[in-house]
Amino acid sequence: MRYLAATRPAFLSVTLVACVLGLATAYRTGLALDAVTALVTVLFALLAHAGVNVINDYHDGLSGADALNTERLFPFTGGSRFIQNGVLTLRQTARFGYGLLALVIAAGLWLSWHTGPGLLAIGAGGLLAGWAYSAPPLRLMSRGLGELAIAAGWLLVVVGSDYVQRGSFDALPFIAGLSYALLVANLLFINQFPDHAGDAAAGKRTLVVLLGPQTAKWAYLLIAIVAYGWLLGMVGKDTLPQKSAAAAMTLVLSFTAARDLLEYASQPAALEPAIKRTILAANLHGMVLAGALMFG
């Protein structure tokens, strides 16, 4: 059970939703979904996310960022703290995280054999984004590029789930997945505010550390505006079905979270409601969009 808990399973929902969204774009274009490959896709996408979570804990343990983080909001930010609390050693954490990714690579090869070689590029890109998010030498999160890596990674989950069913590339999963991927990036972004003091002390130069909380807080609102603007723009051009506009209702959650962040950016303890609304906004947005694509 401790190994399962180390993956932070409560946060894997964003990957499940990304897979559902990718399956929905495939179904939208008239494809009959294959239950076996769909199930394998979902299971191993979840394993990939779990592995990335564990590897992130490992590298934050090495850098000292989690140990220095005294303002984290449990269970949302600051990692699992299994290393700091002696539940797992650094070595056990590393072996577990990279072991999970090894399983994902094996599954990806099997799926590629059944669907097409393009999945190799999608899978490699997704794993690279997840690994490079926290691991040296790239350490994208420590260069202010974490949000870009997260948006790219979760967009590739949508695209990959579609590709497994389609066997080829199509524009629809890119178009439908972008607003969702941006909202997932906002979730990782808002979590940096409670962690920024510990990150700064450890030399982890996230976007919040680089800009400072009072400047960085505006980026959350900007990302949300771009996400919802993209969705409504694609609906307006009839690239997405009209009922997809219902997913924009989650802007109430995103914008009220942005309001709280603008007010409490430098008060980590007050950000828990905003983080919860950000999680709900991303998950609900993806599920409503998937429903509109499948049944709209």
C-alpha atoms as a PDB file:
ATOM      1  CA  MET A   1       0.000   0.000   0.000  1.00  0.00           C
ATOM      2  CA  ARG A   2       2.863   2.406   0.671  1.00  0.00           C
ATOM      3  CA  TYR A   3       4.024   2.088  -2.924  1.00  0.00           C
ATOM      4  CA  LEU A   4       0.523   2.793  -4.196  1.00  0.00           C
ATOM      5  CA  ALA A   5       0.248   5.825  -1.919  1.00  0.00           C
ATOM      6  CA  ALA A   6       3.639   7.066  -3.147  1.00  0.00           C
ATOM      7  CA  THR A   7       2.155   7.542  -6.628  1.00  0.00           C
ATOM      8  CA  ARG A   8      -0.384  10.061  -5.246  1.00  0.00           C
ATOM      9  CA  PRO A   9      -3.314   8.211  -6.865  1.00  0.00           C
ATOM     10  CA  ALA A  10      -5.871  10.919  -6.082  1.00  0.00           C
ATOM     11  CA  PHE A  11      -4.218  13.158  -8.657  1.00  0.00           C
ATOM     12  CA  LEU A  12      -4.193  10.616 -11.482  1.00  0.00           C
ATOM     13  CA  SER A  13      -7.733  11.663 -12.453  1.00  0.00           C
ATOM     14  CA  VAL A  14      -6.398  14.283 -14.855  1.00  0.00           C
ATOM     15  CA  THR A  15      -4.773  11.523 -16.909  1.00  0.00           C
ATOM     16  CA  LEU A  16      -7.915   9.389 -16.861  1.00  0.00           C
ATOM     17  CA  VAL A  17      -9.901  12.359 -18.170  1.00  0.00           C
ATOM     18  CA  ALA A  18      -7.289  13.025 -20.865  1.00  0.00           C
ATOM     19  CA  CYS A  19      -7.639   9.426 -22.065  1.00  0.00           C
ATOM     20  CA  VAL A  20     -11.437   9.678 -22.116  1.00  0.00           C
ATOM     21  CA  LEU A  21     -11.155  12.880 -24.135  1.00  0.00           C
ATOM     22  CA  GLY A  22      -8.857  11.208 -26.663  1.00  0.00           C
ATOM     23  CA  LEU A  23     -11.228   8.257 -26.999  1.00  0.00           C
ATOM     24  CA  ALA A  24     -14.079  10.732 -27.491  1.00  0.00           C
ATOM     25  CA  THR A  25     -12.340  12.479 -30.395  1.00  0.00           C
ATOM     26  CA  ALA A  26     -11.809   9.103 -32.077  1.00  0.00           C
ATOM     27  CA  TYR A  27     -15.458   8.146 -31.556  1.00  0.00           C
ATOM     28  CA  ARG A  28     -16.564  11.551 -32.860  1.00  0.00           C
ATOM     29  CA  THR A  29     -15.114  10.779 -36.275  1.00  0.00           C
ATOM     30  CA  GLY A  30     -17.059   7.525 -36.595  1.00  0.00           C
ATOM     31  CA  LEU A  31     -14.528   5.028 -35.304  1.00  0.00           C
ATOM     32  CA  ALA A  32     -15.704   1.982 -33.373  1.00  0.00           C
ATOM     33  CA  LEU A  33     -13.655   1.945 -30.178  1.00  0.00           C
ATOM     34  CA  ASP A  34     -11.627  -1.179 -29.452  1.00  0.00           C
ATOM     35  CA  ALA A  35     -12.180  -2.031 -25.801  1.00  0.00           C
ATOM     36  CA  VAL A  36      -8.906  -3.900 -25.280  1.00  0.00           C
ATOM     37  CA  THR A  37      -6.573  -1.246 -26.672  1.00  0.00           C
ATOM     38  CA  ALA A  38      -8.617   1.483 -24.978  1.00  0.00           C
ATOM     39  CA  LEU A  39      -8.245  -0.240 -21.600  1.00  0.00           C
ATOM     40  CA  VAL A  40      -4.500  -0.812 -22.094  1.00  0.00           C
ATOM     41  CA  THR A  41      -4.098   2.836 -23.086  1.00  0.00           C
ATOM     42  CA  VAL A  42      -5.838   4.069 -19.946  1.00  0.00           C
ATOM     43  CA  LEU A  43      -4.009   1.697 -17.587  1.00  0.00           C
ATOM     44  CA  PHE A  44      -0.563   2.494 -18.871  1.00  0.00           C
ATOM     45  CA  ALA A  45      -1.196   6.229 -19.173  1.00  0.00           C
ATOM     46  CA  LEU A  46      -2.073   6.116 -15.467  1.00  0.00           C
ATOM     47  CA  LEU A  47       1.117   4.152 -14.780  1.00  0.00           C
ATOM     48  CA  ALA A  48       3.136   6.764 -16.674  1.00  0.00           C
ATOM     49  CA  HIS A  49       1.620   9.567 -14.593  1.00  0.00           C
ATOM     50  CA  ALA A  50       2.248   7.573 -11.415  1.00  0.00           C
ATOM     51  CA  GLY A  51       5.869   7.020 -12.408  1.00  0.00           C
ATOM     52  CA  VAL A  52       6.382  10.705 -13.148  1.00  0.00           C
ATOM     53  CA  ASN A  53       4.925  11.607  -9.730  1.00  0.00           C
ATOM     54  CA  VAL A  54       7.363   9.257  -7.993  1.00  0.00           C
ATOM     55  CA  ILE A  55      10.339  10.483 -10.021  1.00  0.00           C
ATOM     56  CA  ASN A  56       9.405  14.067  -9.212  1.00  0.00           C
ATOM     57  CA  ASP A  57       9.455  13.171  -5.501  1.00  0.00           C
ATOM     58  CA  TYR A  58      12.859  11.534  -5.971  1.00  0.00           C
ATOM     59  CA  HIS A  59      14.438  14.580  -7.603  1.00  0.00           C
ATOM     60  CA  ASP A  60      12.797  16.976  -5.137  1.00  0.00           C
ATOM     61  CA  GLY A  61      14.258  14.774  -2.408  1.00  0.00           C
ATOM     62  CA  LEU A  62      17.713  14.996  -3.973  1.00  0.00           C
ATOM     63  CA  SER A  63      17.545  18.772  -4.354  1.00  0.00           C
ATOM     64  CA  GLY A  64      16.168  19.305  -0.859  1.00  0.00           C
ATOM     65  CA  ALA A  65      13.146  21.210  -2.164  1.00  0.00           C
ATOM     66  CA  ASP A  66      10.583  19.076  -0.325  1.00  0.00           C
ATOM     67  CA  ALA A  67      12.584  19.061   2.914  1.00  0.00           C
ATOM     68  CA  LEU A  68      12.774  22.870   2.834  1.00  0.00           C
ATOM     69  CA  ASN A  69       9.072  23.261   2.058  1.00  0.00           C
ATOM     70  CA  THR A  70       7.408  24.295   5.304  1.00  0.00           C
ATOM     71  CA  GLU A  71       4.361  26.013   3.771  1.00  0.00           C
ATOM     72  CA  ARG A  72       3.017  23.153   1.658  1.00  0.00           C
ATOM     73  CA  LEU A  73      -0.718  22.504   1.549  1.00  0.00           C
ATOM     74  CA  PHE A  74      -1.236  18.808   2.241  1.00  0.00           C
ATOM     75  CA  PRO A  75      -2.169  16.808   0.206  1.00  0.00           C
ATOM     76  CA  PHE A  76      -2.083  19.159  -2.757  1.00  0.00           C
ATOM     77  CA  THR A  77       1.488  20.446  -2.834  1.00  0.00           C
ATOM     78  CA  GLY A  78       4.947  19.531  -1.600  1.00  0.00           C
ATOM     79  CA  GLY A  79       4.983  15.932  -2.838  1.00  0.00           C
ATOM     80  CA  SER A  80       4.169  12.783  -0.890  1.00  0.00           C
ATOM     81  CA  ARG A  81       6.998  13.426   1.638  1.00  0.00           C
ATOM     82  CA  PHE A  82       7.570   9.661   1.825  1.00  0.00           C
ATOM     83  CA  ILE A  83      11.317  10.258   1.556  1.00  0.00           C
ATOM     84  CA  GLN A  84      11.371  12.985   4.215  1.00  0.00           C
ATOM     85  CA  ASN A  85       9.202  10.907   6.578  1.00  0.00           C
ATOM     86  CA  GLY A  86      11.314   7.754   6.144  1.00  0.00           C
ATOM     87  CA  VAL A  87       8.586   5.706   4.437  1.00  0.00           C
ATOM     88  CA  LEU A  88      10.800   5.097   1.371  1.00  0.00           C
ATOM     89  CA  THR A  89      14.476   5.750   0.819  1.00  0.00           C
ATOM     90  CA  LEU A  90      15.774   7.789  -2.087  1.00  0.00           C
ATOM     91  CA  ARG A  91      16.980   4.603  -3.759  1.00  0.00           C
ATOM     92  CA  GLN A  92      13.653   2.810  -3.296  1.00  0.00           C
ATOM     93  CA  THR A  93      11.809   5.811  -4.700  1.00  0.00           C
ATOM     94  CA  ALA A  94      14.051   6.004  -7.764  1.00  0.00           C
ATOM     95  CA  ARG A  95      13.805   2.266  -8.468  1.00  0.00           C
ATOM     96  CA  PHE A  96      10.025   2.337  -8.122  1.00  0.00           C
ATOM     97  CA  GLY A  97       9.540   5.409 -10.340  1.00  0.00           C
ATOM     98  CA  TYR A  98      11.810   4.244 -13.135  1.00  0.00           C
ATOM     99  CA  GLY A  99      10.401   0.713 -12.858  1.00  0.00           C
ATOM    100  CA  LEU A 100       6.919   2.084 -13.557  1.00  0.00           C
ATOM    101  CA  LEU A 101       8.206   3.931 -16.623  1.00  0.00           C
ATOM    102  CA  ALA A 102       9.891   0.736 -17.864  1.00  0.00           C
ATOM    103  CA  LEU A 103       6.496  -1.000 -17.774  1.00  0.00           C
ATOM    104  CA  VAL A 104       5.000   1.896 -19.718  1.00  0.00           C
ATOM    105  CA  ILE A 105       7.660   1.564 -22.427  1.00  0.00           C
ATOM    106  CA  ALA A 106       6.865  -2.146 -22.800  1.00  0.00           C
ATOM    107  CA  ALA A 107       3.147  -1.418 -23.115  1.00  0.00           C
ATOM    108  CA  GLY A 108       3.847   1.377 -25.589  1.00  0.00           C
ATOM    109  CA  LEU A 109       5.794  -0.992 -27.821  1.00  0.00           C
ATOM    110  CA  TRP A 110       2.918  -3.489 -27.742  1.00  0.00           C
ATOM    111  CA  LEU A 111       0.368  -0.802 -28.587  1.00  0.00           C
ATOM    112  CA  SER A 112       2.584   0.554 -31.380  1.00  0.00           C
ATOM    113  CA  TRP A 113       2.783  -2.914 -32.914  1.00  0.00           C
ATOM    114  CA  HIS A 114      -1.020  -3.092 -32.922  1.00  0.00           C
ATOM    115  CA  THR A 115      -1.757   0.483 -34.015  1.00  0.00           C
ATOM    116  CA  GLY A 116       1.109   2.216 -35.806  1.00  0.00           C
ATOM    117  CA  PRO A 117       4.641   3.616 -35.436  1.00  0.00           C
ATOM    118  CA  GLY A 118       3.390   7.131 -34.812  1.00  0.00           C
ATOM    119  CA  LEU A 119       2.547   6.094 -31.271  1.00  0.00           C
ATOM    120  CA  LEU A 120       6.272   5.668 -30.586  1.00  0.00           C
ATOM    121  CA  ALA A 121       6.806   9.389 -31.227  1.00  0.00           C
ATOM    122  CA  ILE A 122       3.801  10.333 -29.086  1.00  0.00           C
ATOM    123  CA  GLY A 123       4.891   8.075 -26.232  1.00  0.00           C
ATOM    124  CA  ALA A 124       8.505   9.194 -26.393  1.00  0.00           C
ATOM    125  CA  GLY A 125       7.416  12.837 -26.344  1.00  0.00           C
ATOM    126  CA  GLY A 126       5.114  12.277 -23.381  1.00  0.00           C
ATOM    127  CA  LEU A 127       7.708  10.382 -21.353  1.00  0.00           C
ATOM    128  CA  LEU A 128      10.338  12.979 -22.176  1.00  0.00           C
ATOM    129  CA  ALA A 129       8.074  15.790 -20.998  1.00  0.00           C
ATOM    130  CA  GLY A 130       7.281  13.954 -17.762  1.00  0.00           C
ATOM    131  CA  TRP A 131      10.872  12.961 -17.044  1.00  0.00           C
ATOM    132  CA  ALA A 132      12.421  16.299 -18.041  1.00  0.00           C
ATOM    133  CA  TYR A 133       9.918  18.169 -15.848  1.00  0.00           C
ATOM    134  CA  SER A 134      12.026  17.510 -12.757  1.00  0.00           C
ATOM    135  CA  ALA A 135      15.038  15.375 -13.736  1.00  0.00           C
ATOM    136  CA  PRO A 136      18.479  16.764 -14.606  1.00  0.00           C
ATOM    137  CA  PRO A 137      19.976  17.897 -16.855  1.00  0.00           C
ATOM    138  CA  LEU A 138      16.857  19.560 -18.318  1.00  0.00           C
ATOM    139  CA  ARG A 139      14.861  20.145 -15.099  1.00  0.00           C
ATOM    140  CA  LEU A 140      12.270  22.172 -17.021  1.00  0.00           C
ATOM    141  CA  MET A 141      10.329  23.116 -13.900  1.00  0.00           C
ATOM    142  CA  SER A 142      13.473  24.690 -12.477  1.00  0.00           C
ATOM    143  CA  ARG A 143      13.854  26.827 -15.609  1.00  0.00           C
ATOM    144  CA  GLY A 144      10.373  28.320 -15.594  1.00  0.00           C
ATOM    145  CA  LEU A 145       9.263  25.879 -18.317  1.00  0.00           C
ATOM    146  CA  GLY A 146       7.263  23.458 -16.195  1.00  0.00           C
ATOM    147  CA  GLU A 147       3.873  24.689 -17.400  1.00  0.00           C
ATOM    148  CA  LEU A 148       4.890  24.230 -21.032  1.00  0.00           C
ATOM    149  CA  ALA A 149       6.008  20.662 -20.300  1.00  0.00           C
ATOM    150  CA  ILE A 150       2.767  19.856 -18.483  1.00  0.00           C
ATOM    151  CA  ALA A 151       0.541  21.278 -21.235  1.00  0.00           C
ATOM    152  CA  ALA A 152       2.509  19.372 -23.876  1.00  0.00           C
ATOM    153  CA  GLY A 153       2.479  16.149 -21.860  1.00  0.00           C
ATOM    154  CA  TRP A 154      -1.257  16.081 -21.244  1.00  0.00           C
ATOM    155  CA  LEU A 155      -2.061  17.141 -24.787  1.00  0.00           C
ATOM    156  CA  LEU A 156      -0.019  14.137 -25.941  1.00  0.00           C
ATOM    157  CA  VAL A 157      -2.094  11.861 -23.687  1.00  0.00           C
ATOM    158  CA  VAL A 158      -5.212  13.031 -25.545  1.00  0.00           C
ATOM    159  CA  VAL A 159      -3.518  12.636 -28.925  1.00  0.00           C
ATOM    160  CA  GLY A 160      -2.093   9.233 -28.036  1.00  0.00           C
ATOM    161  CA  SER A 161      -5.442   7.872 -26.828  1.00  0.00           C
ATOM    162  CA  ASP A 162      -6.987   8.949 -30.129  1.00  0.00           C
ATOM    163  CA  TYR A 163      -4.099   7.534 -32.169  1.00  0.00           C
ATOM    164  CA  VAL A 164      -4.382   4.078 -30.618  1.00  0.00           C
ATOM    165  CA  GLN A 165      -7.949   3.861 -31.938  1.00  0.00           C
ATOM    166  CA  ARG A 166      -7.364   5.624 -35.251  1.00  0.00           C
ATOM    167  CA  GLY A 167      -3.935   4.300 -36.214  1.00  0.00           C
ATOM    168  CA  SER A 168      -3.022   7.684 -37.677  1.00  0.00           C
ATOM    169  CA  PHE A 169      -2.805  11.357 -36.767  1.00  0.00           C
ATOM    170  CA  ASP A 170      -5.778  13.707 -36.897  1.00  0.00           C
ATOM    171  CA  ALA A 171      -6.193  17.380 -36.036  1.00  0.00           C
ATOM    172  CA  LEU A 172      -9.251  16.898 -33.803  1.00  0.00           C
ATOM    173  CA  PRO A 173      -7.490  15.575 -30.658  1.00  0.00           C
ATOM    174  CA  PHE A 174      -5.000  18.453 -30.822  1.00  0.00           C
ATOM    175  CA  ILE A 175      -7.820  20.980 -31.192  1.00  0.00           C
ATOM    176  CA  ALA A 176     -10.076  19.442 -28.546  1.00  0.00           C
ATOM    177  CA  GLY A 177      -7.283  18.667 -26.100  1.00  0.00           C
ATOM    178  CA  LEU A 178      -5.563  22.053 -25.934  1.00  0.00           C
ATOM    179  CA  SER A 179      -7.982  23.826 -23.596  1.00  0.00           C
ATOM    180  CA  TYR A 180      -7.927  20.845 -21.241  1.00  0.00           C
ATOM    181  CA  ALA A 181      -4.116  20.613 -21.300  1.00  0.00           C
ATOM    182  CA  LEU A 182      -3.858  24.308 -20.426  1.00  0.00           C
ATOM    183  CA  LEU A 183      -6.177  23.873 -17.444  1.00  0.00           C
ATOM    184  CA  VAL A 184      -4.040  20.957 -16.223  1.00  0.00           C
ATOM    185  CA  ALA A 185      -0.991  23.217 -16.562  1.00  0.00           C
ATOM    186  CA  ASN A 186      -2.791  25.788 -14.409  1.00  0.00           C
ATOM    187  CA  LEU A 187      -3.255  23.134 -11.736  1.00  0.00           C
ATOM    188  CA  LEU A 188       0.483  22.517 -11.550  1.00  0.00           C
ATOM    189  CA  PHE A 189       1.063  26.257 -11.707  1.00  0.00           C
ATOM    190  CA  ILE A 190      -1.137  27.227  -8.765  1.00  0.00           C
ATOM    191  CA  ASN A 191       0.520  24.500  -6.683  1.00  0.00           C
ATOM    192  CA  GLN A 192       3.808  26.378  -7.021  1.00  0.00           C
ATOM    193  CA  PHE A 193       2.566  29.276  -4.878  1.00  0.00           C
ATOM    194  CA  PRO A 194       2.511  27.429  -1.530  1.00  0.00           C
ATOM    195  CA  ASP A 195       5.822  25.781  -2.474  1.00  0.00           C
ATOM    196  CA  HIS A 196       7.676  28.825  -3.757  1.00  0.00           C
ATOM    197  CA  ALA A 197       9.649  29.596  -0.571  1.00  0.00           C
ATOM    198  CA  GLY A 198      11.010  26.039  -0.344  1.00  0.00           C
ATOM    199  CA  ASP A 199      11.649  25.943  -4.083  1.00  0.00           C
ATOM    200  CA  ALA A 200      13.580  29.212  -3.948  1.00  0.00           C
ATOM    201  CA  ALA A 201      15.679  28.006  -1.009  1.00  0.00           C
ATOM    202  CA  ALA A 202      16.576  24.834  -2.939  1.00  0.00           C
ATOM    203  CA  GLY A 203      17.427  26.736  -6.127  1.00  0.00           C
ATOM    204  CA  LYS A 204      14.364  25.386  -7.919  1.00  0.00           C
ATOM    205  CA  ARG A 205      13.522  28.302 -10.195  1.00  0.00           C
ATOM    206  CA  THR A 206       9.886  27.705 -11.031  1.00  0.00           C
ATOM    207  CA  LEU A 207       7.929  30.392 -12.830  1.00  0.00           C
ATOM    208  CA  VAL A 208       6.590  31.624  -9.483  1.00  0.00           C
ATOM    209  CA  VAL A 209      10.131  31.857  -8.098  1.00  0.00           C
ATOM    210  CA  LEU A 210      11.415  33.609 -11.219  1.00  0.00           C
ATOM    211  CA  LEU A 211       8.607  36.175 -11.391  1.00  0.00           C
ATOM    212  CA  GLY A 212       7.659  36.404  -7.733  1.00  0.00           C
ATOM    213  CA  PRO A 213       4.134  35.566  -6.497  1.00  0.00           C
ATOM    214  CA  GLN A 214       2.721  39.045  -7.065  1.00  0.00           C
ATOM    215  CA  THR A 215       3.675  39.051 -10.756  1.00  0.00           C
ATOM    216  CA  ALA A 216       3.229  35.334 -11.433  1.00  0.00           C
ATOM    217  CA  LYS A 217      -0.354  35.330 -10.178  1.00  0.00           C
ATOM    218  CA  TRP A 218      -1.487  37.075 -13.363  1.00  0.00           C
ATOM    219  CA  ALA A 219      -0.184  34.159 -15.457  1.00  0.00           C
ATOM    220  CA  TYR A 220      -2.853  31.883 -13.968  1.00  0.00           C
ATOM    221  CA  LEU A 221      -5.591  34.180 -15.225  1.00  0.00           C
ATOM    222  CA  LEU A 222      -3.891  34.506 -18.615  1.00  0.00           C
ATOM    223  CA  ILE A 223      -3.636  30.727 -19.052  1.00  0.00           C
ATOM    224  CA  ALA A 224      -7.320  30.331 -18.152  1.00  0.00           C
ATOM    225  CA  ILE A 225      -8.353  33.049 -20.619  1.00  0.00           C
ATOM    226  CA  VAL A 226      -6.350  31.400 -23.406  1.00  0.00           C
ATOM    227  CA  ALA A 227      -7.866  27.979 -22.592  1.00  0.00           C
ATOM    228  CA  TYR A 228     -11.476  29.127 -22.660  1.00  0.00           C
ATOM    229  CA  GLY A 229     -10.852  31.513 -25.544  1.00  0.00           C
ATOM    230  CA  TRP A 230      -9.452  28.634 -27.607  1.00  0.00           C
ATOM    231  CA  LEU A 231     -12.443  26.409 -26.833  1.00  0.00           C
ATOM    232  CA  LEU A 232     -15.021  29.061 -27.712  1.00  0.00           C
ATOM    233  CA  GLY A 233     -13.072  30.079 -30.803  1.00  0.00           C
ATOM    234  CA  MET A 234     -13.080  26.503 -32.098  1.00  0.00           C
ATOM    235  CA  VAL A 235     -16.808  26.192 -31.382  1.00  0.00           C
ATOM    236  CA  GLY A 236     -17.414  29.482 -33.171  1.00  0.00           C
ATOM    237  CA  LYS A 237     -15.597  28.148 -36.248  1.00  0.00           C
ATOM    238  CA  ASP A 238     -17.604  24.880 -36.088  1.00  0.00           C
ATOM    239  CA  THR A 239     -14.349  22.971 -35.663  1.00  0.00           C
ATOM    240  CA  LEU A 240     -15.822  21.599 -32.428  1.00  0.00           C
ATOM    241  CA  PRO A 241     -19.537  20.790 -32.025  1.00  0.00           C
ATOM    242  CA  GLN A 242     -21.718  23.541 -30.587  1.00  0.00           C
ATOM    243  CA  LYS A 243     -22.450  21.559 -27.446  1.00  0.00           C
ATOM    244  CA  SER A 244     -18.719  21.668 -26.631  1.00  0.00           C
ATOM    245  CA  ALA A 245     -19.316  25.222 -25.443  1.00  0.00           C
ATOM    246  CA  ALA A 246     -20.870  23.690 -22.321  1.00  0.00           C
ATOM    247  CA  ALA A 247     -17.327  22.884 -21.157  1.00  0.00           C
ATOM    248  CA  ALA A 248     -16.754  26.641 -20.869  1.00  0.00           C
ATOM    249  CA  MET A 249     -19.093  26.694 -17.877  1.00  0.00           C
ATOM    250  CA  THR A 250     -16.114  25.616 -15.786  1.00  0.00           C
ATOM    251  CA  LEU A 251     -14.683  29.108 -16.259  1.00  0.00           C
ATOM    252  CA  VAL A 252     -16.712  30.008 -13.166  1.00  0.00           C
ATOM    253  CA  LEU A 253     -14.443  27.700 -11.187  1.00  0.00           C
ATOM    254  CA  SER A 254     -11.248  28.853 -12.900  1.00  0.00           C
ATOM    255  CA  PHE A 255     -12.015  32.563 -12.632  1.00  0.00           C
ATOM    256  CA  THR A 256     -13.074  32.420  -8.968  1.00  0.00           C
ATOM    257  CA  ALA A 257      -9.864  30.504  -8.275  1.00  0.00           C
ATOM    258  CA  ALA A 258      -7.986  33.240 -10.143  1.00  0.00           C
ATOM    259  CA  ARG A 259      -9.733  35.865  -8.002  1.00  0.00           C
ATOM    260  CA  ASP A 260      -8.562  34.127  -4.826  1.00  0.00           C
ATOM    261  CA  LEU A 261      -5.035  33.734  -6.182  1.00  0.00           C
ATOM    262  CA  LEU A 262      -4.865  37.424  -7.069  1.00  0.00           C
ATOM    263  CA  GLU A 263      -5.820  38.241  -3.483  1.00  0.00           C
ATOM    264  CA  TYR A 264      -3.827  35.594  -1.595  1.00  0.00           C
ATOM    265  CA  ALA A 265      -0.802  34.878  -3.798  1.00  0.00           C
ATOM    266  CA  SER A 266       1.565  35.546  -0.899  1.00  0.00           C
ATOM    267  CA  GLN A 267      -0.574  33.749   1.709  1.00  0.00           C
ATOM    268  CA  PRO A 268      -0.204  30.006   0.949  1.00  0.00           C
ATOM    269  CA  ALA A 269      -2.529  28.863   3.726  1.00  0.00           C
ATOM    270  CA  ALA A 270      -5.442  30.706   2.090  1.00  0.00           C
ATOM    271  CA  LEU A 271      -5.062  29.052  -1.319  1.00  0.00           C
ATOM    272  CA  GLU A 272      -6.604  25.647  -0.599  1.00  0.00           C
ATOM    273  CA  PRO A 273     -10.098  26.570  -1.924  1.00  0.00           C
ATOM    274  CA  ALA A 274      -8.545  27.957  -5.122  1.00  0.00           C
ATOM    275  CA  ILE A 275      -6.517  24.771  -5.642  1.00  0.00           C
ATOM    276  CA  LYS A 276      -9.609  22.605  -5.141  1.00  0.00           C
ATOM    277  CA  ARG A 277     -11.571  24.659  -7.680  1.00  0.00           C
ATOM    278  CA  THR A 278      -8.665  24.410 -10.138  1.00  0.00           C
ATOM    279  CA  ILE A 279      -8.670  20.609  -9.848  1.00  0.00           C
ATOM    280  CA  LEU A 280     -12.437  20.495 -10.308  1.00  0.00           C
ATOM    281  CA  ALA A 281     -12.322  22.901 -13.254  1.00  0.00           C
ATOM    282  CA  ALA A 282      -9.795  20.802 -15.179  1.00  0.00           C
ATOM    283  CA  ASN A 283     -11.505  17.454 -14.572  1.00  0.00           C
ATOM    284  CA  LEU A 284     -15.027  18.715 -15.188  1.00  0.00           C
ATOM    285  CA  HIS A 285     -13.968  20.658 -18.286  1.00  0.00           C
ATOM    286  CA  GLY A 286     -12.445  17.537 -19.836  1.00  0.00           C
ATOM    287  CA  MET A 287     -15.396  15.300 -19.020  1.00  0.00           C
ATOM    288  CA  VAL A 288     -18.019  17.741 -20.333  1.00  0.00           C
ATOM    289  CA  LEU A 289     -15.990  18.260 -23.500  1.00  0.00           C
ATOM    290  CA  ALA A 290     -15.648  14.488 -23.976  1.00  0.00           C
ATOM    291  CA  GLY A 291     -19.401  14.040 -23.498  1.00  0.00           C
ATOM    292  CA  ALA A 292     -20.151  16.752 -26.050  1.00  0.00           C
ATOM    293  CA  LEU A 293     -17.836  15.125 -28.584  1.00  0.00           C
ATOM    294  CA  MET A 294     -19.339  11.679 -28.121  1.00  0.00           C
ATOM    295  CA  PHE A 295     -23.014  12.604 -27.858  1.00  0.00           C
ATOM    296  CA  GLY A 296     -23.293  16.173 -29.143  1.00  0.00           C
END
